[in-house]
Amino acid sequence: MEVSKNSIALAKRLRRNQTPWEYKLWWQGLRSHRFKGLKFKRQVPVGKYIVDFCCKAKDLVIELDGGQHSETVNEDFERDLFLESEGYTVLRFWNNEIDSNFEGVLLKIEEATSLPTSPHAWGEG
């Protein structure tokens, strides 16, 4: 799927301006193949969306939701449906879960990455 130049530019800006919860998950959990040797990327364009974290080898998207997401339930549902139609499993965590249950969040991510991948896995590890 083609990604627009605008999406790429926005993704770069978002990487430079992480939320505190994105920063924590990235630096303490996912970066540099630290999580089970898997390659995660942050702020990745997928279609018209930019996802918080993506592990293409496991067809996994991780989204961190702040308080504003309680008001965007329909949009988040549509987004998840699109991502799932593209073959991704979507995990969503509230920001307060990152603060209060970080180990539990990592355990849920580990469980998701232990599942077999779909046949179209992208080959990145």
Protein backbone atom coordinates (compact mmCIF):
# COMPACT_ATOMS: atom_id res chain seq x y z
CA MET A 1 0.00 0.00 0.00
CA GLU A 2 1.33 3.40 -1.03
CA VAL A 3 2.13 5.84 1.78
CA SER A 4 1.87 9.57 1.17
CA LYS A 5 4.74 11.98 1.71
CA ASN A 6 2.52 13.82 4.20
CA SER A 7 2.13 10.64 6.26
CA ILE A 8 5.87 10.08 6.27
CA ALA A 9 6.54 13.68 7.38
CA LEU A 10 3.89 13.43 10.11
CA ALA A 11 5.33 10.12 11.34
CA LYS A 12 8.78 11.72 11.63
CA ARG A 13 7.31 14.62 13.66
CA LEU A 14 5.48 12.19 15.93
CA ARG A 15 8.70 10.22 16.54
CA ARG A 16 10.38 13.45 17.66
CA ASN A 17 7.46 14.35 19.94
CA GLN A 18 6.62 11.14 21.76
CA THR A 19 4.22 11.10 24.67
CA PRO A 20 5.76 10.09 28.01
CA TRP A 21 4.04 6.68 27.70
CA GLU A 22 5.32 6.08 24.17
CA TYR A 23 8.78 7.08 25.36
CA LYS A 24 8.63 4.60 28.27
CA LEU A 25 7.39 1.69 26.16
CA TRP A 26 9.95 2.41 23.45
CA TRP A 27 13.03 3.00 25.62
CA GLN A 28 12.28 0.44 28.34
CA GLY A 29 10.68 -2.24 26.24
CA LEU A 30 10.72 -2.33 22.47
CA ARG A 31 13.67 -0.54 20.90
CA SER A 32 16.83 -2.09 19.43
CA HIS A 33 15.48 -5.64 19.19
CA ARG A 34 15.35 -5.77 23.01
CA PHE A 35 11.95 -7.41 23.09
CA LYS A 36 12.44 -11.08 22.20
CA GLY A 37 14.87 -10.02 19.46
CA LEU A 38 12.00 -8.55 17.42
CA LYS A 39 12.21 -5.39 15.36
CA PHE A 40 9.61 -2.83 16.37
CA LYS A 41 9.22 0.52 14.68
CA ARG A 42 7.43 3.53 16.08
CA GLN A 43 5.01 5.90 14.37
CA VAL A 44 4.60 3.75 11.27
CA PRO A 45 2.32 4.76 8.38
CA VAL A 46 -0.13 1.97 7.50
CA GLY A 47 -2.58 3.09 4.85
CA LYS A 48 -4.04 6.42 5.91
CA TYR A 49 -3.15 5.81 9.57
CA ILE A 50 0.01 6.17 11.62
CA VAL A 51 0.30 3.49 14.28
CA ASP A 52 2.23 3.98 17.51
CA PHE A 53 4.30 0.79 17.27
CA CYS A 54 4.53 -1.96 14.69
CA CYS A 55 6.29 -5.30 14.48
CA LYS A 56 5.83 -6.35 10.86
CA ALA A 57 7.42 -9.77 11.40
CA LYS A 58 4.59 -10.60 13.81
CA ASP A 59 1.87 -8.53 12.09
CA LEU A 60 1.40 -6.67 15.37
CA VAL A 61 0.33 -3.09 15.99
CA ILE A 62 0.43 -1.54 19.46
CA GLU A 63 -1.57 1.58 20.17
CA LEU A 64 -1.36 3.66 23.35
CA ASP A 65 -4.53 5.50 24.23
CA GLY A 66 -4.87 8.58 26.38
CA GLY A 67 -8.03 10.13 27.75
CA GLN A 68 -9.02 11.57 24.37
CA HIS A 69 -9.62 8.04 23.08
CA SER A 70 -12.69 7.66 25.27
CA GLU A 71 -14.24 10.21 22.89
CA THR A 72 -13.00 8.56 19.67
CA VAL A 73 -14.28 5.02 20.16
CA ASN A 74 -15.91 4.84 16.72
CA GLU A 75 -12.82 6.16 14.93
CA ASP A 76 -10.59 3.74 16.85
CA PHE A 77 -12.94 0.87 15.95
CA GLU A 78 -12.78 1.78 12.24
CA ARG A 79 -9.02 2.09 12.45
CA ASP A 80 -8.72 -1.33 14.12
CA LEU A 81 -10.99 -2.90 11.48
CA PHE A 82 -8.78 -1.49 8.72
CA LEU A 83 -5.57 -2.68 10.40
CA GLU A 84 -7.05 -6.13 10.97
CA SER A 85 -8.13 -6.26 7.31
CA GLU A 86 -4.47 -5.64 6.46
CA GLY A 87 -3.51 -8.70 8.54
CA TYR A 88 -2.47 -7.00 11.79
CA THR A 89 -3.36 -7.90 15.34
CA VAL A 90 -4.01 -4.68 17.26
CA LEU A 91 -3.21 -4.33 20.96
CA ARG A 92 -4.46 -1.22 22.74
CA PHE A 93 -3.24 -0.05 26.12
CA TRP A 94 -4.36 2.93 28.15
CA ASN A 95 -1.57 5.31 29.18
CA ASN A 96 -2.30 4.58 32.84
CA GLU A 97 -1.57 0.87 32.17
CA ILE A 98 1.95 1.88 31.11
CA ASP A 99 2.31 3.72 34.44
CA SER A 100 0.65 1.24 36.77
CA ASN A 101 1.16 -2.17 35.13
CA PHE A 102 4.15 -1.95 32.80
CA GLU A 103 5.16 -5.59 33.35
CA GLY A 104 1.59 -6.67 32.58
CA VAL A 105 1.67 -4.69 29.33
CA LEU A 106 4.92 -6.37 28.33
CA LEU A 107 3.42 -9.76 29.18
CA LYS A 108 0.42 -9.11 26.90
CA ILE A 109 2.79 -8.07 24.11
CA GLU A 110 4.84 -11.22 24.68
CA GLU A 111 1.69 -13.36 24.45
CA ALA A 112 0.73 -11.67 21.17
CA THR A 113 4.20 -12.14 19.68
CA SER A 114 4.11 -15.83 20.60
CA LEU A 115 1.18 -16.43 18.27
CA PRO A 116 1.94 -17.79 14.81
CA THR A 117 2.14 -15.11 12.13
CA SER A 118 0.05 -14.99 9.02
CA PRO A 119 1.54 -16.30 5.76
CA HIS A 120 2.14 -12.76 4.47
CA ALA A 121 4.57 -11.81 7.27
CA TRP A 122 6.90 -9.16 5.97
CA GLY A 123 10.16 -10.93 6.69
CA GLU A 124 11.55 -8.34 9.10
CA GLY A 125 12.66 -9.68 12.42
